[in-house]
């Protein structure tokens, strides 16, 4: 990054502070919260937020293949979204197992409807979700977030910060509206008509 793209220094903030933010976020495993950066650099949280925002804009303007993004309550470096096909190809090239469609479906249900009990998930999916829940829990995407107040006090499941981090989201509010994935009434009607098996004419007589 050129000197021109680094946020300008002020009496309170020098170029070293900007470089320190880059270095810390670069080596961090998890997103680094602004208040933690503020403590390490001995600067107000508002100043840190401003610097990180300026850095993010500078990287975007320079056209890098990475970006500084606020994810799951903290800052991290991540690949640029428009390069995801290349990154996915690299990651899926024998380096990790893909999640099953059942796991993805269950994770989506929990993400949009949480908190949910095992029985509630089963009623939506129509199958026993125990195996899938164990898989999602082992991967750190879901966790126990409470207990149902009804009889038996069933465990309630919800997504974790790791889920937000994997999807590159700052909060659940950034999930796309579920209506975008639900077909309209006209589409449903057309599907029902196309799949309907009408009896032969002589059978109806």
N, C-alpha and C. Protein backbone atom coordinates (compact mmCIF):
# COMPACT_ATOMS: atom_id res chain seq x y z
N UNK A 1 0.86 -1.20 0.00
CA UNK A 1 0.00 0.00 0.00
C UNK A 1 0.88 1.24 0.00
N UNK A 2 0.62 2.18 -0.86
CA UNK A 2 1.43 3.39 -0.96
C UNK A 2 1.18 4.30 0.22
N UNK A 3 2.14 5.24 0.46
CA UNK A 3 1.99 6.18 1.56
C UNK A 3 0.73 6.99 1.42
N UNK A 4 0.32 7.27 0.18
CA UNK A 4 -0.85 8.11 -0.05
C UNK A 4 -2.12 7.43 0.43
N UNK A 5 -2.11 6.08 0.50
CA UNK A 5 -3.32 5.36 0.89
C UNK A 5 -3.43 5.16 2.39
N UNK A 6 -2.35 5.49 3.13
CA UNK A 6 -2.39 5.35 4.58
C UNK A 6 -3.12 6.55 5.17
N UNK A 7 -4.06 6.33 6.12
CA UNK A 7 -4.74 7.45 6.73
C UNK A 7 -3.76 8.49 7.25
N UNK A 8 -4.07 9.75 7.01
CA UNK A 8 -3.15 10.81 7.38
C UNK A 8 -2.94 10.89 8.88
N UNK A 9 -1.71 11.18 9.30
CA UNK A 9 -1.38 11.28 10.71
C UNK A 9 -1.95 12.56 11.30
N UNK A 10 -2.28 12.50 12.56
CA UNK A 10 -2.77 13.65 13.31
C UNK A 10 -1.92 13.76 14.56
N UNK A 11 -2.07 14.86 15.34
CA UNK A 11 -1.32 14.94 16.59
C UNK A 11 -1.56 13.75 17.49
N UNK A 12 -2.73 13.08 17.34
CA UNK A 12 -3.05 11.96 18.22
C UNK A 12 -2.69 10.62 17.59
N UNK A 13 -2.65 10.58 16.27
CA UNK A 13 -2.43 9.33 15.57
C UNK A 13 -1.28 9.48 14.59
N UNK A 14 -0.30 8.58 14.68
CA UNK A 14 0.82 8.59 13.76
C UNK A 14 0.76 7.40 12.83
N UNK A 15 1.66 7.39 11.83
CA UNK A 15 1.69 6.29 10.87
C UNK A 15 1.99 4.97 11.56
N UNK A 16 2.74 5.03 12.67
CA UNK A 16 3.08 3.79 13.38
C UNK A 16 1.82 3.11 13.93
N UNK A 17 0.84 3.90 14.36
CA UNK A 17 -0.40 3.33 14.87
C UNK A 17 -1.15 2.59 13.76
N UNK A 18 -1.15 3.18 12.58
CA UNK A 18 -1.80 2.55 11.44
C UNK A 18 -1.10 1.23 11.11
N UNK A 19 0.22 1.25 11.09
CA UNK A 19 0.98 0.04 10.79
C UNK A 19 0.79 -1.00 11.88
N UNK A 20 0.63 -0.56 13.12
CA UNK A 20 0.40 -1.49 14.22
C UNK A 20 -0.93 -2.22 14.05
N UNK A 21 -1.95 -1.47 13.63
CA UNK A 21 -3.26 -2.09 13.39
C UNK A 21 -3.12 -3.18 12.33
N UNK A 22 -2.44 -2.85 11.24
CA UNK A 22 -2.26 -3.82 10.17
C UNK A 22 -1.53 -5.07 10.67
N UNK A 23 -0.48 -4.87 11.45
CA UNK A 23 0.32 -5.99 11.93
C UNK A 23 -0.48 -6.89 12.87
N UNK A 24 -1.25 -6.28 13.78
CA UNK A 24 -2.03 -7.05 14.75
C UNK A 24 -3.11 -7.85 14.05
N UNK A 25 -3.86 -7.19 13.17
CA UNK A 25 -4.94 -7.89 12.47
C UNK A 25 -4.38 -8.98 11.57
N UNK A 26 -3.20 -8.75 11.02
CA UNK A 26 -2.59 -9.73 10.12
C UNK A 26 -2.28 -11.04 10.84
N UNK A 27 -1.78 -10.98 12.07
CA UNK A 27 -1.37 -12.20 12.77
C UNK A 27 -2.49 -12.80 13.62
N UNK A 28 -3.59 -12.06 13.79
CA UNK A 28 -4.67 -12.55 14.65
C UNK A 28 -5.40 -13.72 13.98
N UNK A 29 -5.76 -14.71 14.79
CA UNK A 29 -6.52 -15.85 14.30
C UNK A 29 -8.00 -15.48 14.17
N UNK A 30 -8.51 -14.74 15.16
CA UNK A 30 -9.91 -14.32 15.17
C UNK A 30 -10.01 -12.82 14.91
N UNK A 31 -11.18 -12.34 14.50
CA UNK A 31 -11.37 -10.90 14.31
C UNK A 31 -11.02 -10.14 15.58
N UNK A 32 -10.33 -9.01 15.43
CA UNK A 32 -9.85 -8.23 16.59
C UNK A 32 -10.82 -7.09 16.88
N UNK A 33 -11.45 -7.08 18.07
CA UNK A 33 -12.41 -6.01 18.40
C UNK A 33 -11.73 -4.65 18.47
N UNK A 34 -12.48 -3.60 18.19
CA UNK A 34 -11.93 -2.24 18.23
C UNK A 34 -11.45 -1.87 19.62
N UNK A 35 -12.18 -2.33 20.66
CA UNK A 35 -11.77 -1.96 22.01
C UNK A 35 -10.44 -2.61 22.40
N UNK A 36 -10.17 -3.80 21.86
CA UNK A 36 -8.88 -4.44 22.13
C UNK A 36 -7.75 -3.68 21.44
N UNK A 37 -7.99 -3.28 20.18
CA UNK A 37 -6.99 -2.47 19.47
C UNK A 37 -6.76 -1.15 20.20
N UNK A 38 -7.83 -0.56 20.71
CA UNK A 38 -7.72 0.70 21.44
C UNK A 38 -6.84 0.55 22.67
N UNK A 39 -6.99 -0.56 23.39
CA UNK A 39 -6.17 -0.81 24.58
C UNK A 39 -4.71 -1.00 24.21
N UNK A 40 -4.47 -1.78 23.15
CA UNK A 40 -3.09 -2.07 22.75
C UNK A 40 -2.37 -0.82 22.24
N UNK A 41 -3.09 0.04 21.53
CA UNK A 41 -2.47 1.23 20.96
C UNK A 41 -2.64 2.47 21.83
N UNK A 42 -3.41 2.31 22.92
CA UNK A 42 -3.66 3.42 23.85
C UNK A 42 -4.29 4.60 23.12
N UNK A 43 -5.34 4.28 22.37
CA UNK A 43 -6.09 5.29 21.63
C UNK A 43 -7.58 5.10 21.90
N UNK A 44 -8.38 6.15 21.74
CA UNK A 44 -9.83 6.02 21.92
C UNK A 44 -10.43 5.04 20.90
N UNK A 45 -11.49 4.35 21.29
CA UNK A 45 -12.14 3.39 20.40
C UNK A 45 -12.63 4.10 19.13
N UNK A 46 -13.14 5.32 19.27
CA UNK A 46 -13.65 6.05 18.11
C UNK A 46 -12.54 6.30 17.09
N UNK A 47 -11.34 6.57 17.58
CA UNK A 47 -10.20 6.80 16.68
C UNK A 47 -9.85 5.51 15.94
N UNK A 48 -9.86 4.39 16.68
CA UNK A 48 -9.56 3.10 16.07
C UNK A 48 -10.59 2.77 14.99
N UNK A 49 -11.86 3.00 15.30
CA UNK A 49 -12.92 2.75 14.32
C UNK A 49 -12.71 3.59 13.06
N UNK A 50 -12.34 4.85 13.27
CA UNK A 50 -12.10 5.72 12.12
C UNK A 50 -10.93 5.27 11.27
N UNK A 51 -9.84 4.88 11.95
CA UNK A 51 -8.65 4.42 11.23
C UNK A 51 -8.94 3.14 10.44
N UNK A 52 -9.61 2.20 11.07
CA UNK A 52 -9.93 0.95 10.38
C UNK A 52 -10.85 1.20 9.19
N UNK A 53 -11.80 2.11 9.36
CA UNK A 53 -12.68 2.45 8.26
C UNK A 53 -11.92 3.07 7.10
N UNK A 54 -10.97 3.95 7.41
CA UNK A 54 -10.16 4.57 6.36
C UNK A 54 -9.26 3.55 5.67
N UNK A 55 -8.70 2.63 6.46
CA UNK A 55 -7.88 1.58 5.88
C UNK A 55 -8.70 0.71 4.94
N UNK A 56 -9.91 0.34 5.38
CA UNK A 56 -10.78 -0.49 4.55
C UNK A 56 -11.07 0.21 3.22
N UNK A 57 -11.34 1.51 3.28
CA UNK A 57 -11.62 2.28 2.06
C UNK A 57 -10.39 2.35 1.17
N UNK A 58 -9.23 2.50 1.81
CA UNK A 58 -7.98 2.60 1.03
C UNK A 58 -7.69 1.30 0.28
N UNK A 59 -7.88 0.16 0.96
CA UNK A 59 -7.65 -1.13 0.29
C UNK A 59 -8.63 -1.31 -0.86
N UNK A 60 -9.89 -0.94 -0.64
CA UNK A 60 -10.90 -1.09 -1.69
C UNK A 60 -10.57 -0.22 -2.89
N UNK A 61 -10.13 1.02 -2.62
CA UNK A 61 -9.82 1.94 -3.71
C UNK A 61 -8.60 1.47 -4.50
N UNK A 62 -7.65 0.82 -3.80
CA UNK A 62 -6.44 0.35 -4.48
C UNK A 62 -6.69 -0.90 -5.29
N UNK A 63 -7.83 -1.57 -5.08
CA UNK A 63 -8.17 -2.74 -5.88
C UNK A 63 -7.45 -4.01 -5.49
N UNK A 64 -7.10 -4.14 -4.20
CA UNK A 64 -6.41 -5.34 -3.75
C UNK A 64 -7.32 -6.57 -3.80
N UNK A 65 -6.72 -7.75 -3.72
CA UNK A 65 -7.48 -8.98 -3.68
C UNK A 65 -7.94 -9.33 -2.29
N UNK A 66 -7.65 -8.47 -1.32
CA UNK A 66 -8.09 -8.68 0.06
C UNK A 66 -8.75 -7.40 0.54
N UNK A 67 -9.41 -7.49 1.69
CA UNK A 67 -10.04 -6.32 2.28
C UNK A 67 -9.97 -6.40 3.79
N UNK A 68 -10.09 -5.24 4.43
CA UNK A 68 -10.20 -5.18 5.88
C UNK A 68 -11.69 -5.06 6.19
N UNK A 69 -12.23 -6.08 6.84
CA UNK A 69 -13.67 -6.13 7.07
C UNK A 69 -14.00 -6.26 8.55
N UNK A 70 -15.14 -5.68 8.94
CA UNK A 70 -15.62 -5.85 10.31
C UNK A 70 -16.54 -7.05 10.33
N UNK A 71 -16.11 -8.09 11.02
CA UNK A 71 -16.81 -9.37 11.02
C UNK A 71 -16.95 -9.88 12.44
N UNK A 72 -18.15 -10.29 12.83
CA UNK A 72 -18.40 -10.89 14.15
C UNK A 72 -17.87 -10.00 15.28
N UNK A 73 -18.04 -8.70 15.12
CA UNK A 73 -17.65 -7.78 16.18
C UNK A 73 -16.19 -7.37 16.20
N UNK A 74 -15.42 -7.74 15.19
CA UNK A 74 -14.00 -7.39 15.17
C UNK A 74 -13.51 -7.19 13.74
N UNK A 75 -12.24 -6.81 13.61
CA UNK A 75 -11.65 -6.54 12.30
C UNK A 75 -10.75 -7.69 11.86
N UNK A 76 -10.80 -8.03 10.58
CA UNK A 76 -9.92 -9.07 10.05
C UNK A 76 -9.65 -8.81 8.58
N UNK A 77 -8.54 -9.38 8.10
CA UNK A 77 -8.25 -9.37 6.67
C UNK A 77 -8.90 -10.59 6.05
N UNK A 78 -9.53 -10.41 4.89
CA UNK A 78 -10.15 -11.53 4.20
C UNK A 78 -10.08 -11.28 2.70
N UNK A 79 -10.25 -12.35 1.95
CA UNK A 79 -10.21 -12.22 0.50
C UNK A 79 -11.40 -11.39 0.02
N UNK A 80 -11.22 -10.72 -1.11
CA UNK A 80 -12.29 -9.89 -1.65
C UNK A 80 -13.42 -10.78 -2.16
N UNK A 81 -14.68 -10.42 -1.90
CA UNK A 81 -15.80 -11.27 -2.30
C UNK A 81 -15.83 -11.64 -3.79
N UNK A 82 -15.39 -10.73 -4.66
CA UNK A 82 -15.50 -11.03 -6.09
C UNK A 82 -14.46 -12.06 -6.56
N UNK A 83 -13.56 -12.46 -5.63
CA UNK A 83 -12.58 -13.49 -5.97
C UNK A 83 -12.93 -14.82 -5.32
N UNK A 84 -14.14 -14.93 -4.78
CA UNK A 84 -14.54 -16.14 -4.08
C UNK A 84 -14.47 -17.41 -4.94
N UNK A 85 -14.76 -17.36 -6.25
CA UNK A 85 -14.65 -18.60 -7.04
C UNK A 85 -13.25 -19.20 -7.00
N UNK A 86 -12.20 -18.35 -7.03
CA UNK A 86 -10.84 -18.85 -6.98
C UNK A 86 -10.49 -19.39 -5.59
N UNK A 87 -10.94 -18.68 -4.56
CA UNK A 87 -10.66 -19.11 -3.20
C UNK A 87 -11.37 -20.42 -2.90
N UNK A 88 -12.64 -20.54 -3.32
CA UNK A 88 -13.39 -21.77 -3.10
C UNK A 88 -12.74 -22.94 -3.82
N UNK A 89 -12.26 -22.70 -5.03
CA UNK A 89 -11.59 -23.76 -5.79
C UNK A 89 -10.34 -24.23 -5.05
N UNK A 90 -9.61 -23.29 -4.47
CA UNK A 90 -8.40 -23.63 -3.72
C UNK A 90 -8.75 -24.43 -2.46
N UNK A 91 -9.75 -23.96 -1.71
CA UNK A 91 -10.11 -24.60 -0.46
C UNK A 91 -10.74 -25.97 -0.65
N UNK A 92 -11.49 -26.13 -1.73
CA UNK A 92 -12.19 -27.39 -1.95
C UNK A 92 -11.38 -28.39 -2.75
N UNK A 93 -10.18 -28.02 -3.11
CA UNK A 93 -9.34 -28.92 -3.90
C UNK A 93 -8.70 -29.97 -2.99
N UNK A 94 -9.54 -30.80 -2.41
CA UNK A 94 -9.04 -31.89 -1.58
C UNK A 94 -8.55 -31.47 -0.22
N UNK A 95 -8.79 -30.21 0.18
CA UNK A 95 -8.24 -29.74 1.44
C UNK A 95 -9.26 -29.78 2.59
N UNK A 96 -10.54 -29.88 2.27
CA UNK A 96 -11.53 -29.99 3.32
C UNK A 96 -12.80 -30.64 2.79
N UNK A 97 -13.52 -31.28 3.65
CA UNK A 97 -14.75 -31.94 3.26
C UNK A 97 -15.87 -30.91 3.18
N UNK A 98 -16.70 -31.03 2.17
CA UNK A 98 -17.82 -30.12 2.03
C UNK A 98 -18.95 -30.55 2.97
N UNK A 99 -19.69 -29.58 3.44
CA UNK A 99 -20.83 -29.87 4.29
C UNK A 99 -21.94 -30.50 3.46
N UNK A 100 -22.65 -31.44 4.05
CA UNK A 100 -23.74 -32.09 3.35
C UNK A 100 -24.91 -31.13 3.19
N UNK A 101 -25.80 -31.45 2.26
CA UNK A 101 -26.97 -30.61 2.05
C UNK A 101 -27.84 -30.60 3.30
N UNK A 102 -27.89 -31.73 4.03
CA UNK A 102 -28.68 -31.79 5.26
C UNK A 102 -28.11 -30.85 6.31
N UNK A 103 -26.78 -30.78 6.41
CA UNK A 103 -26.15 -29.89 7.38
C UNK A 103 -26.39 -28.44 7.02
N UNK A 104 -26.26 -28.11 5.73
CA UNK A 104 -26.49 -26.74 5.28
C UNK A 104 -27.93 -26.32 5.51
N UNK A 105 -28.86 -27.24 5.25
CA UNK A 105 -30.28 -26.95 5.44
C UNK A 105 -30.58 -26.69 6.92
N UNK A 106 -30.04 -27.55 7.79
CA UNK A 106 -30.27 -27.39 9.22
C UNK A 106 -29.64 -26.10 9.73
N UNK A 107 -28.44 -25.79 9.24
CA UNK A 107 -27.77 -24.57 9.66
C UNK A 107 -28.56 -23.34 9.24
N UNK A 108 -29.13 -23.37 8.06
CA UNK A 108 -29.94 -22.25 7.58
C UNK A 108 -31.19 -22.08 8.44
N UNK A 109 -31.82 -23.20 8.82
CA UNK A 109 -33.01 -23.13 9.66
C UNK A 109 -32.68 -22.49 11.00
N UNK A 110 -31.57 -22.92 11.59
CA UNK A 110 -31.17 -22.37 12.89
C UNK A 110 -30.82 -20.89 12.76
N UNK A 111 -30.11 -20.54 11.70
CA UNK A 111 -29.69 -19.15 11.52
C UNK A 111 -30.87 -18.20 11.44
N UNK A 112 -31.91 -18.61 10.72
CA UNK A 112 -33.04 -17.72 10.50
C UNK A 112 -34.12 -17.82 11.58
N UNK A 113 -34.19 -18.95 12.29
CA UNK A 113 -35.30 -19.16 13.23
C UNK A 113 -34.85 -19.23 14.69
N UNK A 114 -33.56 -19.11 14.97
CA UNK A 114 -33.05 -19.31 16.32
C UNK A 114 -33.68 -18.36 17.35
N UNK A 115 -33.73 -18.83 18.62
CA UNK A 115 -33.27 -20.14 19.12
C UNK A 115 -34.30 -21.23 18.86
N UNK A 116 -33.80 -22.45 18.60
CA UNK A 116 -34.67 -23.57 18.29
C UNK A 116 -34.26 -24.80 19.08
N UNK A 117 -35.24 -25.64 19.43
CA UNK A 117 -34.95 -26.91 20.08
C UNK A 117 -34.78 -27.99 19.02
N UNK A 118 -34.26 -29.15 19.42
CA UNK A 118 -34.11 -30.26 18.49
C UNK A 118 -35.46 -30.66 17.90
N UNK A 119 -36.49 -30.68 18.74
CA UNK A 119 -37.83 -31.08 18.28
C UNK A 119 -38.37 -30.08 17.26
N UNK A 120 -38.11 -28.80 17.47
CA UNK A 120 -38.60 -27.78 16.54
C UNK A 120 -37.89 -27.92 15.18
N UNK A 121 -36.59 -28.19 15.23
CA UNK A 121 -35.85 -28.39 13.99
C UNK A 121 -36.37 -29.61 13.25
N UNK A 122 -36.65 -30.69 14.01
CA UNK A 122 -37.16 -31.93 13.41
C UNK A 122 -38.52 -31.70 12.76
N UNK A 123 -39.36 -30.87 13.39
CA UNK A 123 -40.69 -30.62 12.83
C UNK A 123 -40.60 -29.83 11.53
N UNK A 124 -39.58 -28.99 11.39
CA UNK A 124 -39.41 -28.21 10.17
C UNK A 124 -38.81 -29.06 9.05
N UNK A 125 -37.78 -29.84 9.40
CA UNK A 125 -37.09 -30.65 8.38
C UNK A 125 -37.80 -31.96 8.10
N UNK A 126 -38.57 -32.47 9.07
CA UNK A 126 -39.27 -33.73 8.87
C UNK A 126 -38.43 -34.95 9.12
N UNK A 127 -37.20 -34.77 9.62
CA UNK A 127 -36.32 -35.89 9.94
C UNK A 127 -35.60 -35.61 11.25
N UNK A 128 -35.05 -36.66 11.85
CA UNK A 128 -34.31 -36.51 13.10
C UNK A 128 -33.00 -35.76 12.83
N UNK A 129 -32.76 -34.62 13.48
CA UNK A 129 -31.57 -33.82 13.19
C UNK A 129 -30.37 -34.10 14.10
N UNK A 130 -30.45 -35.13 14.96
CA UNK A 130 -29.41 -35.34 15.97
C UNK A 130 -28.01 -35.43 15.37
N UNK A 131 -27.85 -36.25 14.33
CA UNK A 131 -26.52 -36.41 13.73
C UNK A 131 -25.99 -35.12 13.13
N UNK A 132 -26.86 -34.39 12.44
CA UNK A 132 -26.46 -33.13 11.83
C UNK A 132 -26.12 -32.10 12.90
N UNK A 133 -26.90 -32.06 13.98
CA UNK A 133 -26.63 -31.11 15.06
C UNK A 133 -25.26 -31.39 15.69
N UNK A 134 -24.92 -32.66 15.84
CA UNK A 134 -23.60 -33.00 16.40
C UNK A 134 -22.49 -32.50 15.48
N UNK A 135 -22.69 -32.66 14.18
CA UNK A 135 -21.69 -32.21 13.21
C UNK A 135 -21.51 -30.69 13.26
N UNK A 136 -22.61 -29.97 13.26
CA UNK A 136 -22.56 -28.50 13.29
C UNK A 136 -21.96 -28.01 14.59
N UNK A 137 -22.30 -28.69 15.68
CA UNK A 137 -21.74 -28.30 16.99
C UNK A 137 -20.24 -28.57 17.03
N UNK A 138 -19.81 -29.70 16.47
CA UNK A 138 -18.38 -30.04 16.45
C UNK A 138 -17.58 -29.05 15.62
N UNK A 139 -18.18 -28.52 14.57
CA UNK A 139 -17.49 -27.55 13.72
C UNK A 139 -17.54 -26.14 14.30
N UNK A 140 -18.31 -25.98 15.38
CA UNK A 140 -18.36 -24.68 16.05
C UNK A 140 -19.33 -23.69 15.45
N UNK A 141 -20.23 -24.15 14.56
CA UNK A 141 -21.15 -23.24 13.91
C UNK A 141 -22.40 -22.97 14.74
N UNK A 142 -22.76 -23.92 15.62
CA UNK A 142 -23.91 -23.73 16.50
C UNK A 142 -23.51 -24.06 17.93
N UNK A 143 -24.32 -23.59 18.88
CA UNK A 143 -24.07 -23.87 20.29
C UNK A 143 -25.36 -23.81 21.07
N UNK A 144 -25.29 -24.23 22.32
CA UNK A 144 -26.45 -24.16 23.20
C UNK A 144 -26.58 -22.73 23.72
N UNK A 145 -27.74 -22.13 23.48
CA UNK A 145 -27.93 -20.73 23.85
C UNK A 145 -28.96 -20.54 24.97
N UNK A 146 -29.56 -21.65 25.42
CA UNK A 146 -30.53 -21.53 26.51
C UNK A 146 -31.35 -22.78 26.64
N UNK A 147 -32.42 -22.66 27.44
CA UNK A 147 -33.33 -23.77 27.67
C UNK A 147 -34.76 -23.31 27.44
N UNK A 148 -35.56 -24.20 26.87
CA UNK A 148 -36.97 -23.90 26.66
C UNK A 148 -37.67 -23.83 28.02
N UNK A 149 -38.62 -22.93 28.14
CA UNK A 149 -39.33 -22.77 29.41
C UNK A 149 -40.43 -23.80 29.58
N UNK A 150 -40.71 -24.59 28.53
CA UNK A 150 -41.77 -25.58 28.59
C UNK A 150 -41.34 -26.85 29.29
N UNK A 151 -42.21 -27.83 29.30
CA UNK A 151 -41.90 -29.12 29.94
C UNK A 151 -40.63 -29.74 29.38
N UNK A 152 -39.78 -30.23 30.25
CA UNK A 152 -38.54 -30.86 29.83
C UNK A 152 -37.38 -29.91 29.63
N UNK A 153 -37.70 -28.61 29.52
CA UNK A 153 -36.65 -27.59 29.34
C UNK A 153 -35.63 -28.01 28.29
N UNK A 154 -36.11 -28.21 27.07
CA UNK A 154 -35.25 -28.65 25.97
C UNK A 154 -34.15 -27.63 25.68
N UNK A 155 -33.01 -28.13 25.24
CA UNK A 155 -31.89 -27.28 24.87
C UNK A 155 -32.26 -26.47 23.63
N UNK A 156 -31.95 -25.19 23.64
CA UNK A 156 -32.18 -24.32 22.49
C UNK A 156 -30.85 -24.04 21.79
N UNK A 157 -30.86 -24.15 20.48
CA UNK A 157 -29.64 -23.95 19.69
C UNK A 157 -29.67 -22.63 18.94
N UNK A 158 -28.47 -22.06 18.76
CA UNK A 158 -28.31 -20.84 17.98
C UNK A 158 -26.95 -20.84 17.32
N UNK A 159 -26.72 -19.92 16.40
CA UNK A 159 -25.43 -19.83 15.73
C UNK A 159 -24.40 -19.16 16.62
N UNK A 160 -23.14 -19.32 16.29
CA UNK A 160 -22.03 -18.81 17.07
C UNK A 160 -21.29 -17.70 16.30
N UNK A 161 -20.38 -16.99 16.98
CA UNK A 161 -19.54 -16.02 16.26
C UNK A 161 -18.73 -16.67 15.14
N UNK A 162 -18.38 -17.95 15.30
CA UNK A 162 -17.63 -18.64 14.25
C UNK A 162 -18.46 -18.75 12.97
N UNK A 163 -19.77 -18.89 13.12
CA UNK A 163 -20.67 -18.93 11.96
C UNK A 163 -20.62 -17.60 11.22
N UNK A 164 -20.70 -16.49 11.98
CA UNK A 164 -20.63 -15.17 11.36
C UNK A 164 -19.29 -14.97 10.67
N UNK A 165 -18.22 -15.43 11.34
CA UNK A 165 -16.89 -15.25 10.77
C UNK A 165 -16.73 -16.01 9.47
N UNK A 166 -17.23 -17.24 9.41
CA UNK A 166 -17.11 -18.04 8.19
C UNK A 166 -17.86 -17.42 7.03
N UNK A 167 -19.01 -16.79 7.33
CA UNK A 167 -19.81 -16.16 6.27
C UNK A 167 -19.39 -14.72 6.00
N UNK A 168 -18.48 -14.18 6.84
CA UNK A 168 -18.05 -12.81 6.63
C UNK A 168 -19.10 -11.79 6.98
N UNK A 169 -19.90 -12.08 8.02
CA UNK A 169 -20.99 -11.19 8.42
C UNK A 169 -20.66 -10.51 9.75
N UNK A 170 -21.09 -9.27 9.88
CA UNK A 170 -20.88 -8.56 11.14
C UNK A 170 -21.91 -8.99 12.18
N UNK A 171 -23.13 -9.30 11.74
CA UNK A 171 -24.19 -9.72 12.65
C UNK A 171 -25.23 -10.50 11.86
N UNK A 172 -26.17 -11.13 12.59
CA UNK A 172 -27.24 -11.88 11.93
C UNK A 172 -28.13 -10.97 11.09
N UNK A 173 -28.14 -9.68 11.42
CA UNK A 173 -28.94 -8.74 10.65
C UNK A 173 -28.46 -8.63 9.20
N UNK A 174 -27.22 -9.06 8.94
CA UNK A 174 -26.67 -8.99 7.59
C UNK A 174 -27.05 -10.19 6.73
N UNK A 175 -27.74 -11.18 7.32
CA UNK A 175 -28.22 -12.30 6.51
C UNK A 175 -29.21 -11.78 5.47
N UNK A 176 -29.16 -12.31 4.26
CA UNK A 176 -30.12 -11.85 3.24
C UNK A 176 -31.54 -12.19 3.67
N UNK A 177 -32.52 -11.35 3.34
CA UNK A 177 -33.91 -11.64 3.70
C UNK A 177 -34.33 -13.00 3.19
N UNK A 178 -34.97 -13.77 4.05
CA UNK A 178 -35.35 -15.13 3.67
C UNK A 178 -36.36 -15.13 2.53
N UNK A 179 -37.09 -14.02 2.37
CA UNK A 179 -38.07 -13.93 1.29
C UNK A 179 -37.42 -14.07 -0.08
N UNK A 180 -36.11 -13.73 -0.17
CA UNK A 180 -35.43 -13.83 -1.45
C UNK A 180 -35.32 -15.28 -1.92
N UNK A 181 -35.43 -16.23 -0.98
CA UNK A 181 -35.27 -17.64 -1.33
C UNK A 181 -36.60 -18.38 -1.39
N UNK A 182 -37.70 -17.67 -1.14
CA UNK A 182 -39.01 -18.29 -1.16
C UNK A 182 -39.71 -17.93 -2.46
N UNK A 183 -40.13 -18.93 -3.26
CA UNK A 183 -40.79 -18.60 -4.54
C UNK A 183 -42.14 -17.95 -4.31
N UNK A 184 -42.55 -17.11 -5.27
CA UNK A 184 -43.83 -16.44 -5.18
C UNK A 184 -44.98 -17.40 -5.36
N UNK A 185 -46.22 -16.92 -5.06
CA UNK A 185 -47.40 -17.77 -5.15
C UNK A 185 -47.62 -18.28 -6.56
N UNK A 186 -47.31 -17.45 -7.58
CA UNK A 186 -47.50 -17.86 -8.96
C UNK A 186 -46.58 -19.01 -9.34
N UNK A 187 -45.34 -18.97 -8.79
CA UNK A 187 -44.38 -20.04 -9.07
C UNK A 187 -44.83 -21.34 -8.41
N UNK A 188 -45.28 -21.23 -7.14
CA UNK A 188 -45.76 -22.41 -6.42
C UNK A 188 -46.94 -23.03 -7.15
N UNK A 189 -47.87 -22.19 -7.62
CA UNK A 189 -49.05 -22.68 -8.33
C UNK A 189 -48.64 -23.40 -9.62
N UNK A 190 -47.67 -22.83 -10.34
CA UNK A 190 -47.21 -23.44 -11.58
C UNK A 190 -46.56 -24.80 -11.31
N UNK A 191 -45.78 -24.86 -10.23
CA UNK A 191 -45.13 -26.13 -9.87
C UNK A 191 -46.17 -27.18 -9.50
N UNK A 192 -47.15 -26.77 -8.72
CA UNK A 192 -48.19 -27.72 -8.33
C UNK A 192 -48.94 -28.24 -9.54
N UNK A 193 -49.22 -27.33 -10.48
CA UNK A 193 -49.94 -27.73 -11.69
C UNK A 193 -49.09 -28.68 -12.53
N UNK A 194 -47.81 -28.37 -12.63
CA UNK A 194 -46.93 -29.20 -13.45
C UNK A 194 -46.68 -30.57 -12.86
N UNK A 195 -46.72 -30.67 -11.53
CA UNK A 195 -46.45 -31.94 -10.87
C UNK A 195 -47.71 -32.76 -10.61
N UNK A 196 -48.87 -32.15 -10.80
CA UNK A 196 -50.12 -32.85 -10.51
C UNK A 196 -50.34 -33.98 -11.53
N UNK A 197 -50.74 -35.13 -11.03
CA UNK A 197 -51.02 -36.26 -11.91
C UNK A 197 -52.53 -36.40 -12.02
N UNK A 198 -53.08 -36.00 -13.15
CA UNK A 198 -54.52 -36.07 -13.36
C UNK A 198 -54.91 -37.47 -13.84
N UNK A 199 -56.01 -37.99 -13.36
CA UNK A 199 -56.46 -39.32 -13.83
C UNK A 199 -56.87 -39.26 -15.30
N UNK A 200 -56.82 -40.40 -16.00
CA UNK A 200 -57.25 -40.42 -17.41
C UNK A 200 -58.69 -39.95 -17.55
N UNK A 201 -59.03 -39.46 -18.72
CA UNK A 201 -60.37 -38.93 -18.95
C UNK A 201 -61.44 -39.98 -18.69
N UNK A 202 -61.20 -41.24 -19.11
CA UNK A 202 -62.22 -42.27 -18.89
C UNK A 202 -62.41 -42.60 -17.44
N UNK A 203 -61.34 -42.39 -16.63
CA UNK A 203 -61.46 -42.67 -15.19
C UNK A 203 -62.30 -41.63 -14.51
N UNK A 204 -62.34 -40.39 -15.09
CA UNK A 204 -63.09 -39.31 -14.48
C UNK A 204 -64.55 -39.40 -14.87
N UNK A 205 -64.85 -40.14 -15.92
CA UNK A 205 -66.24 -40.22 -16.42
C UNK A 205 -67.16 -40.96 -15.46
